[in-house]
Amino acid sequence: MNELIDGPKCASEGIVNAMTSIPVKISFLIIATVIFLSFYFARLAILALLRNNIFSNSTQRILLVCLVNSVFHQAATLEIRIHQVYRSFVYASDPCSLLFHFTECEVELYFYYLTNYFSTYSVFSLTFDRLISHYNPRFYFSQQNFVSNTLLIIQCLLSFGTYYVGLYGVPPFGYVSICYYTPKYAVNFLKINDFRTVVMVFCIIVIIFVYYLSVRSEKQIQRTSYSPGERYWAYENVETSQSVCILIVLQFACILMSSYGVNYIRSKESMMSEEDFHTLAPFFAGVTYASLCLPLVIYFKTKLTIRNRRIRIAVMTSMYGDVGDHMNRLKKSWE
């Protein structure tokens, strides 16, 4: 009776060959390398946000929370992959001990999917943070804690809601070869992937529009205003919107590769051998790659922005002596 509900306990020859193959072990090395690099750059990015922050306080807070979440997600992914590789060595000749029962994966699934969804919906928080900043800057800069806290709460609700739809109440039956694979009786994952994609596409459209408006506004301010504060705010707004735009596009590309890459090879499962399918699937860990992109963009964008600021200051002081003289010249040229 249990076998009818759970499915076969013993791995088929194709799954055994795939899980003990060199390509799957290479995929583990690639994923482990990406994860350790993400740990290293997450530390650098957190230090950059705390010591040399180039973002608004609201954006900074959202990015810090997302970085901490990415560390938890990477740790969960690493633990799952180590567990899988360990079994592939120890039980290579015992197919009935190679697979994981759903009950063995419950804790890993909880952390993996919650942090996965939280990472996905970070695009929502970052997009609306920029949107509010552009359309209501006075409210935004006076209520930054309220804005960031509200957006993070919505992000959490979206993550828990998606987890509830996908995994809550799923019967604890079935076997999988890697613990983050979709449980046997979880039937809503295709709908979840579609919903996540819609959210991300919507956010990409909105943030590109906000970035366009920020660039246009900054050019107008550079032409019509000689207020250092106003010009500085416009420049910083463009830089932040550009960084968020890059983050969202990279996040979308990585998650699209994961969600639809796996769905695509599943749709072709009947056309390929079971061994080929289980050999290819471990490479499609999109959120793992996205969790490396996040600290990379924050860290290198911070360094680039600081360098550009120094260059601008050096040009101003070398050409016009001091900032006061420079602003007087600008004022005369605009009169």
C-alpha atoms as a PDB file:
ATOM      1  CA  MET A   1       0.000   0.000   0.000  1.00  0.00           C
ATOM      2  CA  ASN A   2       2.791   2.436   0.933  1.00  0.00           C
ATOM      3  CA  GLU A   3       4.536   1.745  -2.358  1.00  0.00           C
ATOM      4  CA  LEU A   4       1.354   2.587  -4.259  1.00  0.00           C
ATOM      5  CA  ILE A   5       1.213   5.993  -2.528  1.00  0.00           C
ATOM      6  CA  ASP A   6       4.931   6.750  -2.307  1.00  0.00           C
ATOM      7  CA  GLY A   7       5.983   5.221  -5.583  1.00  0.00           C
ATOM      8  CA  PRO A   8       9.000   2.935  -5.861  1.00  0.00           C
ATOM      9  CA  LYS A   9      11.496   3.240  -3.029  1.00  0.00           C
ATOM     10  CA  CYS A  10      14.389   2.001  -5.128  1.00  0.00           C
ATOM     11  CA  ALA A  11      15.926   4.241  -7.767  1.00  0.00           C
ATOM     12  CA  SER A  12      15.697   3.101 -11.366  1.00  0.00           C
ATOM     13  CA  GLU A  13      18.837   2.327 -13.322  1.00  0.00           C
ATOM     14  CA  GLY A  14      18.602   5.678 -15.130  1.00  0.00           C
ATOM     15  CA  ILE A  15      18.421   7.672 -11.875  1.00  0.00           C
ATOM     16  CA  VAL A  16      21.278   5.671 -10.333  1.00  0.00           C
ATOM     17  CA  ASN A  17      23.445   6.293 -13.397  1.00  0.00           C
ATOM     18  CA  ALA A  18      22.587  10.008 -13.367  1.00  0.00           C
ATOM     19  CA  MET A  19      23.076  10.635  -9.639  1.00  0.00           C
ATOM     20  CA  THR A  20      26.409   8.811  -9.567  1.00  0.00           C
ATOM     21  CA  SER A  21      27.645  10.308 -12.847  1.00  0.00           C
ATOM     22  CA  ILE A  22      30.550  12.702 -13.360  1.00  0.00           C
ATOM     23  CA  PRO A  23      28.321  15.525 -14.792  1.00  0.00           C
ATOM     24  CA  VAL A  24      26.160  15.608 -11.631  1.00  0.00           C
ATOM     25  CA  LYS A  25      29.292  15.743  -9.475  1.00  0.00           C
ATOM     26  CA  ILE A  26      30.580  18.574 -11.690  1.00  0.00           C
ATOM     27  CA  SER A  27      27.261  20.383 -11.206  1.00  0.00           C
ATOM     28  CA  PHE A  28      27.793  20.081  -7.445  1.00  0.00           C
ATOM     29  CA  LEU A  29      31.269  21.630  -7.754  1.00  0.00           C
ATOM     30  CA  ILE A  30      29.884  24.480  -9.876  1.00  0.00           C
ATOM     31  CA  ILE A  31      27.013  25.160  -7.468  1.00  0.00           C
ATOM     32  CA  ALA A  32      29.326  24.925  -4.431  1.00  0.00           C
ATOM     33  CA  THR A  33      31.760  27.385  -6.052  1.00  0.00           C
ATOM     34  CA  VAL A  34      28.927  29.809  -6.822  1.00  0.00           C
ATOM     35  CA  ILE A  35      27.659  29.518  -3.236  1.00  0.00           C
ATOM     36  CA  PHE A  36      31.047  30.147  -1.607  1.00  0.00           C
ATOM     37  CA  LEU A  37      31.638  33.110  -3.929  1.00  0.00           C
ATOM     38  CA  SER A  38      28.213  34.454  -2.958  1.00  0.00           C
ATOM     39  CA  PHE A  39      29.118  34.148   0.750  1.00  0.00           C
ATOM     40  CA  TYR A  40      32.325  36.105   0.133  1.00  0.00           C
ATOM     41  CA  PHE A  41      30.695  38.865  -1.899  1.00  0.00           C
ATOM     42  CA  ALA A  42      27.668  39.030   0.415  1.00  0.00           C
ATOM     43  CA  ARG A  43      30.061  39.989   3.211  1.00  0.00           C
ATOM     44  CA  LEU A  44      31.683  42.641   1.007  1.00  0.00           C
ATOM     45  CA  ALA A  45      28.285  43.948  -0.120  1.00  0.00           C
ATOM     46  CA  ILE A  46      26.964  44.180   3.460  1.00  0.00           C
ATOM     47  CA  LEU A  47      30.093  46.085   4.519  1.00  0.00           C
ATOM     48  CA  ALA A  48      29.714  48.367   1.492  1.00  0.00           C
ATOM     49  CA  LEU A  49      26.088  49.110   2.396  1.00  0.00           C
ATOM     50  CA  LEU A  50      26.997  49.831   6.019  1.00  0.00           C
ATOM     51  CA  ARG A  51      30.204  51.825   5.450  1.00  0.00           C
ATOM     52  CA  ASN A  52      29.928  53.349   1.960  1.00  0.00           C
ATOM     53  CA  ASN A  53      26.220  53.342   1.258  1.00  0.00           C
ATOM     54  CA  ILE A  54      25.276  54.940  -2.083  1.00  0.00           C
ATOM     55  CA  PHE A  55      21.561  54.128  -1.800  1.00  0.00           C
ATOM     56  CA  SER A  56      18.730  55.769   0.110  1.00  0.00           C
ATOM     57  CA  ASN A  57      18.103  54.429   3.623  1.00  0.00           C
ATOM     58  CA  SER A  58      14.966  52.617   2.455  1.00  0.00           C
ATOM     59  CA  THR A  59      16.701  50.911  -0.473  1.00  0.00           C
ATOM     60  CA  GLN A  60      19.675  50.107   1.760  1.00  0.00           C
ATOM     61  CA  ARG A  61      17.447  48.351   4.296  1.00  0.00           C
ATOM     62  CA  ILE A  62      15.684  46.283   1.621  1.00  0.00           C
ATOM     63  CA  LEU A  63      19.015  45.267   0.086  1.00  0.00           C
ATOM     64  CA  LEU A  64      20.471  44.290   3.476  1.00  0.00           C
ATOM     65  CA  VAL A  65      17.480  42.053   4.240  1.00  0.00           C
ATOM     66  CA  CYS A  66      17.709  40.505   0.767  1.00  0.00           C
ATOM     67  CA  LEU A  67      21.423  39.812   1.246  1.00  0.00           C
ATOM     68  CA  VAL A  68      20.803  38.061   4.567  1.00  0.00           C
ATOM     69  CA  ASN A  69      18.026  36.028   2.936  1.00  0.00           C
ATOM     70  CA  SER A  70      20.358  35.060   0.075  1.00  0.00           C
ATOM     71  CA  VAL A  71      22.911  33.742   2.587  1.00  0.00           C
ATOM     72  CA  PHE A  72      20.252  31.518   4.202  1.00  0.00           C
ATOM     73  CA  HIS A  73      19.091  30.317   0.783  1.00  0.00           C
ATOM     74  CA  GLN A  74      22.625  29.459  -0.303  1.00  0.00           C
ATOM     75  CA  ALA A  75      23.283  27.627   2.970  1.00  0.00           C
ATOM     76  CA  ALA A  76      20.113  25.542   2.508  1.00  0.00           C
ATOM     77  CA  THR A  77      21.049  24.762  -1.100  1.00  0.00           C
ATOM     78  CA  LEU A  78      24.584  23.760  -0.121  1.00  0.00           C
ATOM     79  CA  GLU A  79      23.332  21.446   2.636  1.00  0.00           C
ATOM     80  CA  ILE A  80      20.905  19.766   0.220  1.00  0.00           C
ATOM     81  CA  ARG A  81      23.561  19.242  -2.448  1.00  0.00           C
ATOM     82  CA  ILE A  82      26.137  17.925   0.047  1.00  0.00           C
ATOM     83  CA  HIS A  83      23.541  15.440   1.314  1.00  0.00           C
ATOM     84  CA  GLN A  84      22.835  14.305  -2.255  1.00  0.00           C
ATOM     85  CA  VAL A  85      26.512  13.909  -3.194  1.00  0.00           C
ATOM     86  CA  TYR A  86      27.186  12.031   0.045  1.00  0.00           C
ATOM     87  CA  ARG A  87      24.473   9.508  -0.818  1.00  0.00           C
ATOM     88  CA  SER A  88      25.728   9.186  -4.378  1.00  0.00           C
ATOM     89  CA  PHE A  89      29.077   7.982  -3.013  1.00  0.00           C
ATOM     90  CA  VAL A  90      27.891   5.911  -0.045  1.00  0.00           C
ATOM     91  CA  TYR A  91      24.886   4.254  -1.738  1.00  0.00           C
ATOM     92  CA  ALA A  92      26.152   4.079  -5.318  1.00  0.00           C
ATOM     93  CA  SER A  93      25.594   0.318  -5.312  1.00  0.00           C
ATOM     94  CA  ASP A  94      22.398   0.408  -3.212  1.00  0.00           C
ATOM     95  CA  PRO A  95      19.581   1.958  -5.304  1.00  0.00           C
ATOM     96  CA  CYS A  96      17.044   1.391  -2.515  1.00  0.00           C
ATOM     97  CA  SER A  97      18.915   3.839  -0.224  1.00  0.00           C
ATOM     98  CA  LEU A  98      19.809   6.447  -2.844  1.00  0.00           C
ATOM     99  CA  LEU A  99      16.506   8.360  -2.947  1.00  0.00           C
ATOM    100  CA  PHE A 100      15.094  10.736  -0.305  1.00  0.00           C
ATOM    101  CA  HIS A 101      11.628  10.245   1.145  1.00  0.00           C
ATOM    102  CA  PHE A 102       9.542  13.417   1.434  1.00  0.00           C
ATOM    103  CA  THR A 103       9.717  13.276   5.250  1.00  0.00           C
ATOM    104  CA  GLU A 104      13.531  13.466   5.051  1.00  0.00           C
ATOM    105  CA  CYS A 105      13.290  16.709   3.089  1.00  0.00           C
ATOM    106  CA  GLU A 106      10.652  18.676   5.004  1.00  0.00           C
ATOM    107  CA  VAL A 107      13.036  21.011   6.874  1.00  0.00           C
ATOM    108  CA  GLU A 108      15.200  21.615   3.796  1.00  0.00           C
ATOM    109  CA  LEU A 109      12.126  22.273   1.658  1.00  0.00           C
ATOM    110  CA  TYR A 110      10.806  24.781   4.189  1.00  0.00           C
ATOM    111  CA  PHE A 111      13.985  26.876   4.207  1.00  0.00           C
ATOM    112  CA  TYR A 112      14.774  26.370   0.527  1.00  0.00           C
ATOM    113  CA  TYR A 113      11.417  27.427  -0.888  1.00  0.00           C
ATOM    114  CA  LEU A 114      10.686  30.239   1.581  1.00  0.00           C
ATOM    115  CA  THR A 115      14.061  31.882   0.912  1.00  0.00           C
ATOM    116  CA  ASN A 116      13.633  31.114  -2.798  1.00  0.00           C
ATOM    117  CA  TYR A 117      10.302  32.955  -2.948  1.00  0.00           C
ATOM    118  CA  PHE A 118      11.555  35.805  -0.759  1.00  0.00           C
ATOM    119  CA  SER A 119      14.442  36.267  -3.184  1.00  0.00           C
ATOM    120  CA  THR A 120      12.045  36.324  -6.137  1.00  0.00           C
ATOM    121  CA  TYR A 121       9.734  38.906  -4.594  1.00  0.00           C
ATOM    122  CA  SER A 122      12.616  41.210  -3.680  1.00  0.00           C
ATOM    123  CA  VAL A 123      12.066  42.630  -7.165  1.00  0.00           C
ATOM    124  CA  PHE A 124       8.634  43.818  -5.988  1.00  0.00           C
ATOM    125  CA  SER A 125      10.039  45.681  -2.972  1.00  0.00           C
ATOM    126  CA  LEU A 126      12.886  47.267  -4.917  1.00  0.00           C
ATOM    127  CA  THR A 127      10.630  48.315  -7.803  1.00  0.00           C
ATOM    128  CA  PHE A 128       8.017  49.995  -5.636  1.00  0.00           C
ATOM    129  CA  ASP A 129      10.730  51.573  -3.495  1.00  0.00           C
ATOM    130  CA  ARG A 130      11.989  53.329  -6.647  1.00  0.00           C
ATOM    131  CA  LEU A 131       8.460  54.100  -7.836  1.00  0.00           C
ATOM    132  CA  ILE A 132       7.517  55.841  -4.573  1.00  0.00           C
ATOM    133  CA  SER A 133      10.854  57.661  -4.532  1.00  0.00           C
ATOM    134  CA  HIS A 134      10.223  59.095  -7.982  1.00  0.00           C
ATOM    135  CA  TYR A 135       6.560  60.054  -7.692  1.00  0.00           C
ATOM    136  CA  ASN A 136       6.450  61.213  -4.074  1.00  0.00           C
ATOM    137  CA  PRO A 137      10.023  62.090  -3.022  1.00  0.00           C
ATOM    138  CA  ARG A 138       8.960  64.324  -0.122  1.00  0.00           C
ATOM    139  CA  PHE A 139       6.963  61.520   1.520  1.00  0.00           C
ATOM    140  CA  TYR A 140       9.612  58.937   0.601  1.00  0.00           C
ATOM    141  CA  PHE A 141      12.559  60.748   2.176  1.00  0.00           C
ATOM    142  CA  SER A 142      10.609  61.702   5.299  1.00  0.00           C
ATOM    143  CA  GLN A 143       9.168  58.187   5.833  1.00  0.00           C
ATOM    144  CA  GLN A 144      11.914  55.840   4.637  1.00  0.00           C
ATOM    145  CA  ASN A 145      11.605  53.412   7.542  1.00  0.00           C
ATOM    146  CA  PHE A 146       7.853  53.153   6.990  1.00  0.00           C
ATOM    147  CA  VAL A 147       8.287  52.599   3.233  1.00  0.00           C
ATOM    148  CA  SER A 148      10.938  49.882   3.574  1.00  0.00           C
ATOM    149  CA  ASN A 149       9.150  48.104   6.438  1.00  0.00           C
ATOM    150  CA  THR A 150       5.835  48.100   4.555  1.00  0.00           C
ATOM    151  CA  LEU A 151       7.405  46.756   1.370  1.00  0.00           C
ATOM    152  CA  LEU A 152       9.306  44.050   3.276  1.00  0.00           C
ATOM    153  CA  ILE A 153       6.102  42.976   5.046  1.00  0.00           C
ATOM    154  CA  ILE A 154       4.340  42.667   1.667  1.00  0.00           C
ATOM    155  CA  GLN A 155       7.347  40.715   0.369  1.00  0.00           C
ATOM    156  CA  CYS A 156       7.072  38.318   3.323  1.00  0.00           C
ATOM    157  CA  LEU A 157       3.321  37.889   2.796  1.00  0.00           C
ATOM    158  CA  LEU A 158       3.861  37.093  -0.887  1.00  0.00           C
ATOM    159  CA  SER A 159       6.554  34.544   0.043  1.00  0.00           C
ATOM    160  CA  PHE A 160       4.454  32.800   2.699  1.00  0.00           C
ATOM    161  CA  GLY A 161       1.386  32.923   0.450  1.00  0.00           C
ATOM    162  CA  THR A 162       3.258  31.274  -2.410  1.00  0.00           C
ATOM    163  CA  TYR A 163       4.693  28.659  -0.057  1.00  0.00           C
ATOM    164  CA  TYR A 164       1.192  27.979   1.287  1.00  0.00           C
ATOM    165  CA  VAL A 165      -0.225  27.484  -2.222  1.00  0.00           C
ATOM    166  CA  GLY A 166       2.694  25.291  -3.279  1.00  0.00           C
ATOM    167  CA  LEU A 167       3.511  23.141  -0.267  1.00  0.00           C
ATOM    168  CA  TYR A 168       1.119  23.579   2.639  1.00  0.00           C
ATOM    169  CA  GLY A 169      -0.932  20.447   3.245  1.00  0.00           C
ATOM    170  CA  VAL A 170       0.938  18.406   0.634  1.00  0.00           C
ATOM    171  CA  PRO A 171       0.814  14.730   1.717  1.00  0.00           C
ATOM    172  CA  PRO A 172       4.237  13.573   2.997  1.00  0.00           C
ATOM    173  CA  PHE A 173       4.643  10.863   0.368  1.00  0.00           C
ATOM    174  CA  GLY A 174       6.970  10.150  -2.507  1.00  0.00           C
ATOM    175  CA  TYR A 175      10.689   9.876  -3.211  1.00  0.00           C
ATOM    176  CA  VAL A 176      13.034  12.349  -4.917  1.00  0.00           C
ATOM    177  CA  SER A 177      16.682  12.213  -5.932  1.00  0.00           C
ATOM    178  CA  ILE A 178      17.496  15.717  -4.579  1.00  0.00           C
ATOM    179  CA  CYS A 179      15.621  17.297  -1.674  1.00  0.00           C
ATOM    180  CA  TYR A 180      14.712  20.567  -3.415  1.00  0.00           C
ATOM    181  CA  TYR A 181      12.867  18.766  -6.212  1.00  0.00           C
ATOM    182  CA  THR A 182       9.130  19.316  -6.363  1.00  0.00           C
ATOM    183  CA  PRO A 183       7.301  16.850  -4.056  1.00  0.00           C
ATOM    184  CA  LYS A 184       5.232  14.200  -5.806  1.00  0.00           C
ATOM    185  CA  TYR A 185       1.832  15.545  -4.731  1.00  0.00           C
ATOM    186  CA  ALA A 186       2.609  19.274  -5.031  1.00  0.00           C
ATOM    187  CA  VAL A 187       0.473  20.100  -8.066  1.00  0.00           C
ATOM    188  CA  ASN A 188       0.559  23.912  -8.086  1.00  0.00           C
ATOM    189  CA  PHE A 189       4.196  24.551  -8.969  1.00  0.00           C
ATOM    190  CA  LEU A 190       3.553  25.347 -12.639  1.00  0.00           C
ATOM    191  CA  LYS A 191       0.997  27.980 -11.596  1.00  0.00           C
ATOM    192  CA  ILE A 192       3.467  29.372  -9.059  1.00  0.00           C
ATOM    193  CA  ASN A 193       6.180  29.692 -11.707  1.00  0.00           C
ATOM    194  CA  ASP A 194       3.739  31.465 -14.017  1.00  0.00           C
ATOM    195  CA  PHE A 195       2.721  33.879 -11.235  1.00  0.00           C
ATOM    196  CA  ARG A 196       6.347  34.632 -10.324  1.00  0.00           C
ATOM    197  CA  THR A 197       7.129  35.291 -13.971  1.00  0.00           C
ATOM    198  CA  VAL A 198       4.187  37.694 -14.308  1.00  0.00           C
ATOM    199  CA  VAL A 199       5.320  39.577 -11.177  1.00  0.00           C
ATOM    200  CA  MET A 200       8.892  39.842 -12.443  1.00  0.00           C
ATOM    201  CA  VAL A 201       7.918  40.939 -15.967  1.00  0.00           C
ATOM    202  CA  PHE A 202       5.615  43.585 -14.483  1.00  0.00           C
ATOM    203  CA  CYS A 203       8.430  44.810 -12.212  1.00  0.00           C
ATOM    204  CA  ILE A 204      10.894  44.941 -15.118  1.00  0.00           C
ATOM    205  CA  ILE A 205       8.488  47.092 -17.151  1.00  0.00           C
ATOM    206  CA  VAL A 206       7.864  49.420 -14.191  1.00  0.00           C
ATOM    207  CA  ILE A 207      11.531  49.818 -13.202  1.00  0.00           C
ATOM    208  CA  ILE A 208      12.647  50.486 -16.785  1.00  0.00           C
ATOM    209  CA  PHE A 209       9.939  53.164 -16.998  1.00  0.00           C
ATOM    210  CA  VAL A 210      11.045  54.660 -13.656  1.00  0.00           C
ATOM    211  CA  TYR A 211      14.674  54.610 -14.802  1.00  0.00           C
ATOM    212  CA  TYR A 212      13.722  56.398 -18.026  1.00  0.00           C
ATOM    213  CA  LEU A 213      11.820  59.059 -16.060  1.00  0.00           C
ATOM    214  CA  SER A 214      14.743  59.455 -13.634  1.00  0.00           C
ATOM    215  CA  VAL A 215      17.227  59.992 -16.478  1.00  0.00           C
ATOM    216  CA  ARG A 216      14.930  62.506 -18.168  1.00  0.00           C
ATOM    217  CA  SER A 217      14.346  64.345 -14.891  1.00  0.00           C
ATOM    218  CA  GLU A 218      18.070  64.415 -14.108  1.00  0.00           C
ATOM    219  CA  LYS A 219      18.903  65.908 -17.526  1.00  0.00           C
ATOM    220  CA  GLN A 220      16.261  68.570 -17.044  1.00  0.00           C
ATOM    221  CA  ILE A 221      17.579  69.457 -13.575  1.00  0.00           C
ATOM    222  CA  GLN A 222      21.150  69.654 -14.895  1.00  0.00           C
ATOM    223  CA  ARG A 223      19.953  72.183 -17.494  1.00  0.00           C
ATOM    224  CA  THR A 224      17.688  74.300 -15.317  1.00  0.00           C
ATOM    225  CA  SER A 225      18.935  74.127 -11.712  1.00  0.00           C
ATOM    226  CA  TYR A 226      22.186  75.139 -10.075  1.00  0.00           C
ATOM    227  CA  SER A 227      21.172  73.929  -6.617  1.00  0.00           C
ATOM    228  CA  PRO A 228      23.857  71.408  -5.517  1.00  0.00           C
ATOM    229  CA  GLY A 229      21.337  69.512  -3.379  1.00  0.00           C
ATOM    230  CA  GLU A 230      18.810  69.154  -6.184  1.00  0.00           C
ATOM    231  CA  ARG A 231      21.439  68.144  -8.749  1.00  0.00           C
ATOM    232  CA  TYR A 232      22.960  65.645  -6.321  1.00  0.00           C
ATOM    233  CA  TRP A 233      19.553  64.113  -5.521  1.00  0.00           C
ATOM    234  CA  ALA A 234      18.760  63.732  -9.239  1.00  0.00           C
ATOM    235  CA  TYR A 235      22.111  62.053  -9.921  1.00  0.00           C
ATOM    236  CA  GLU A 236      21.744  59.671  -6.969  1.00  0.00           C
ATOM    237  CA  ASN A 237      18.188  58.811  -8.016  1.00  0.00           C
ATOM    238  CA  VAL A 238      19.407  57.797 -11.482  1.00  0.00           C
ATOM    239  CA  GLU A 239      22.252  55.730 -10.027  1.00  0.00           C
ATOM    240  CA  THR A 240      19.936  53.883  -7.637  1.00  0.00           C
ATOM    241  CA  SER A 241      17.290  53.247 -10.303  1.00  0.00           C
ATOM    242  CA  GLN A 242      19.968  51.951 -12.664  1.00  0.00           C
ATOM    243  CA  SER A 243      21.326  49.563 -10.011  1.00  0.00           C
ATOM    244  CA  VAL A 244      17.848  48.241  -9.191  1.00  0.00           C
ATOM    245  CA  CYS A 245      17.100  47.828 -12.901  1.00  0.00           C
ATOM    246  CA  ILE A 246      20.261  45.740 -13.367  1.00  0.00           C
ATOM    247  CA  LEU A 247      19.434  43.640 -10.293  1.00  0.00           C
ATOM    248  CA  ILE A 248      15.892  42.887 -11.442  1.00  0.00           C
ATOM    249  CA  VAL A 249      16.906  41.953 -14.990  1.00  0.00           C
ATOM    250  CA  LEU A 250      19.639  39.606 -13.694  1.00  0.00           C
ATOM    251  CA  GLN A 251      17.251  38.137 -11.126  1.00  0.00           C
ATOM    252  CA  PHE A 252      14.659  37.556 -13.833  1.00  0.00           C
ATOM    253  CA  ALA A 253      17.174  35.935 -16.200  1.00  0.00           C
ATOM    254  CA  CYS A 254      18.456  33.541 -13.523  1.00  0.00           C
ATOM    255  CA  ILE A 255      15.021  32.548 -12.233  1.00  0.00           C
ATOM    256  CA  LEU A 256      13.611  32.199 -15.749  1.00  0.00           C
ATOM    257  CA  MET A 257      16.465  29.834 -16.548  1.00  0.00           C
ATOM    258  CA  SER A 258      15.650  27.801 -13.442  1.00  0.00           C
ATOM    259  CA  SER A 259      11.850  27.722 -13.636  1.00  0.00           C
ATOM    260  CA  TYR A 260      11.347  27.362 -17.349  1.00  0.00           C
ATOM    261  CA  GLY A 261      14.572  25.470 -17.977  1.00  0.00           C
ATOM    262  CA  VAL A 262      13.416  22.651 -15.707  1.00  0.00           C
ATOM    263  CA  ASN A 263       9.846  22.872 -17.039  1.00  0.00           C
ATOM    264  CA  TYR A 264      11.171  22.684 -20.594  1.00  0.00           C
ATOM    265  CA  ILE A 265      13.253  19.570 -20.049  1.00  0.00           C
ATOM    266  CA  ARG A 266      10.293  18.057 -18.176  1.00  0.00           C
ATOM    267  CA  SER A 267       8.125  18.695 -21.225  1.00  0.00           C
ATOM    268  CA  LYS A 268      10.758  16.877 -23.279  1.00  0.00           C
ATOM    269  CA  GLU A 269      11.134  14.096 -20.699  1.00  0.00           C
ATOM    270  CA  SER A 270       9.334  11.631 -22.964  1.00  0.00           C
ATOM    271  CA  MET A 271      11.847  12.418 -25.719  1.00  0.00           C
ATOM    272  CA  MET A 272      14.951  11.882 -23.580  1.00  0.00           C
ATOM    273  CA  SER A 273      16.113   9.122 -21.336  1.00  0.00           C
ATOM    274  CA  GLU A 274      15.493   9.248 -17.589  1.00  0.00           C
ATOM    275  CA  GLU A 275      19.244   9.361 -17.092  1.00  0.00           C
ATOM    276  CA  ASP A 276      19.656  12.431 -19.329  1.00  0.00           C
ATOM    277  CA  PHE A 277      16.833  14.257 -17.566  1.00  0.00           C
ATOM    278  CA  HIS A 278      18.257  13.695 -14.070  1.00  0.00           C
ATOM    279  CA  THR A 279      21.744  14.588 -15.316  1.00  0.00           C
ATOM    280  CA  LEU A 280      20.654  17.966 -16.719  1.00  0.00           C
ATOM    281  CA  ALA A 281      18.199  19.083 -14.010  1.00  0.00           C
ATOM    282  CA  PRO A 282      20.787  19.757 -11.212  1.00  0.00           C
ATOM    283  CA  PHE A 283      22.430  22.473 -13.339  1.00  0.00           C
ATOM    284  CA  PHE A 284      19.232  24.600 -13.340  1.00  0.00           C
ATOM    285  CA  ALA A 285      19.583  26.292  -9.945  1.00  0.00           C
ATOM    286  CA  GLY A 286      18.534  29.797 -10.960  1.00  0.00           C
ATOM    287  CA  VAL A 287      18.057  31.394  -7.528  1.00  0.00           C
ATOM    288  CA  THR A 288      21.524  30.155  -6.549  1.00  0.00           C
ATOM    289  CA  TYR A 289      23.003  32.093  -9.469  1.00  0.00           C
ATOM    290  CA  ALA A 290      20.753  35.098  -8.714  1.00  0.00           C
ATOM    291  CA  SER A 291      21.992  35.061  -5.105  1.00  0.00           C
ATOM    292  CA  LEU A 292      25.523  35.597  -6.422  1.00  0.00           C
ATOM    293  CA  CYS A 293      24.441  38.385  -8.798  1.00  0.00           C
ATOM    294  CA  LEU A 294      22.857  40.385  -5.946  1.00  0.00           C
ATOM    295  CA  PRO A 295      26.027  41.041  -3.882  1.00  0.00           C
ATOM    296  CA  LEU A 296      28.145  41.398  -7.034  1.00  0.00           C
ATOM    297  CA  VAL A 297      25.975  44.222  -8.365  1.00  0.00           C
ATOM    298  CA  ILE A 298      25.794  45.978  -4.980  1.00  0.00           C
ATOM    299  CA  TYR A 299      29.534  45.737  -4.315  1.00  0.00           C
ATOM    300  CA  PHE A 300      30.841  46.697  -7.762  1.00  0.00           C
ATOM    301  CA  LYS A 301      28.176  49.369  -8.323  1.00  0.00           C
ATOM    302  CA  THR A 302      29.191  50.937  -4.994  1.00  0.00           C
ATOM    303  CA  LYS A 303      32.865  50.939  -5.976  1.00  0.00           C
ATOM    304  CA  LEU A 304      32.078  52.357  -9.428  1.00  0.00           C
ATOM    305  CA  THR A 305      29.845  55.115  -8.033  1.00  0.00           C
ATOM    306  CA  ILE A 306      32.446  56.156  -5.450  1.00  0.00           C
ATOM    307  CA  ARG A 307      35.118  56.263  -8.165  1.00  0.00           C
ATOM    308  CA  ASN A 308      32.890  58.372 -10.432  1.00  0.00           C
ATOM    309  CA  ARG A 309      32.183  60.778  -7.568  1.00  0.00           C
ATOM    310  CA  ARG A 310      35.907  61.256  -6.956  1.00  0.00           C
ATOM    311  CA  ILE A 311      36.515  61.874 -10.660  1.00  0.00           C
ATOM    312  CA  ARG A 312      33.732  64.478 -10.780  1.00  0.00           C
ATOM    313  CA  ILE A 313      35.036  66.241  -7.674  1.00  0.00           C
ATOM    314  CA  ALA A 314      38.586  66.229  -9.073  1.00  0.00           C
ATOM    315  CA  VAL A 315      37.403  67.689 -12.388  1.00  0.00           C
ATOM    316  CA  MET A 316      35.389  70.393 -10.631  1.00  0.00           C
ATOM    317  CA  THR A 317      38.205  71.468  -8.321  1.00  0.00           C
ATOM    318  CA  SER A 318      40.953  71.312 -10.973  1.00  0.00           C
ATOM    319  CA  MET A 319      38.992  73.320 -13.550  1.00  0.00           C
ATOM    320  CA  TYR A 320      37.399  75.968 -11.379  1.00  0.00           C
ATOM    321  CA  GLY A 321      39.453  76.202  -8.232  1.00  0.00           C
ATOM    322  CA  ASP A 322      36.710  75.561  -5.685  1.00  0.00           C
ATOM    323  CA  VAL A 323      33.080  74.561  -5.623  1.00  0.00           C
ATOM    324  CA  GLY A 324      31.886  78.090  -4.858  1.00  0.00           C
ATOM    325  CA  ASP A 325      33.594  79.516  -7.938  1.00  0.00           C
ATOM    326  CA  HIS A 326      32.299  76.621  -9.988  1.00  0.00           C
ATOM    327  CA  MET A 327      28.691  77.199  -8.911  1.00  0.00           C
ATOM    328  CA  ASN A 328      28.999  80.948  -9.598  1.00  0.00           C
ATOM    329  CA  ARG A 329      30.196  80.186 -13.119  1.00  0.00           C
ATOM    330  CA  LEU A 330      27.323  77.764 -13.618  1.00  0.00           C
ATOM    331  CA  LYS A 331      24.859  80.365 -12.362  1.00  0.00           C
ATOM    332  CA  LYS A 332      26.149  82.974 -14.803  1.00  0.00           C
ATOM    333  CA  SER A 333      26.094  80.525 -17.706  1.00  0.00           C
ATOM    334  CA  TRP A 334      22.441  79.685 -17.013  1.00  0.00           C
ATOM    335  CA  GLU A 335      21.250  83.308 -16.643  1.00  0.00           C
END
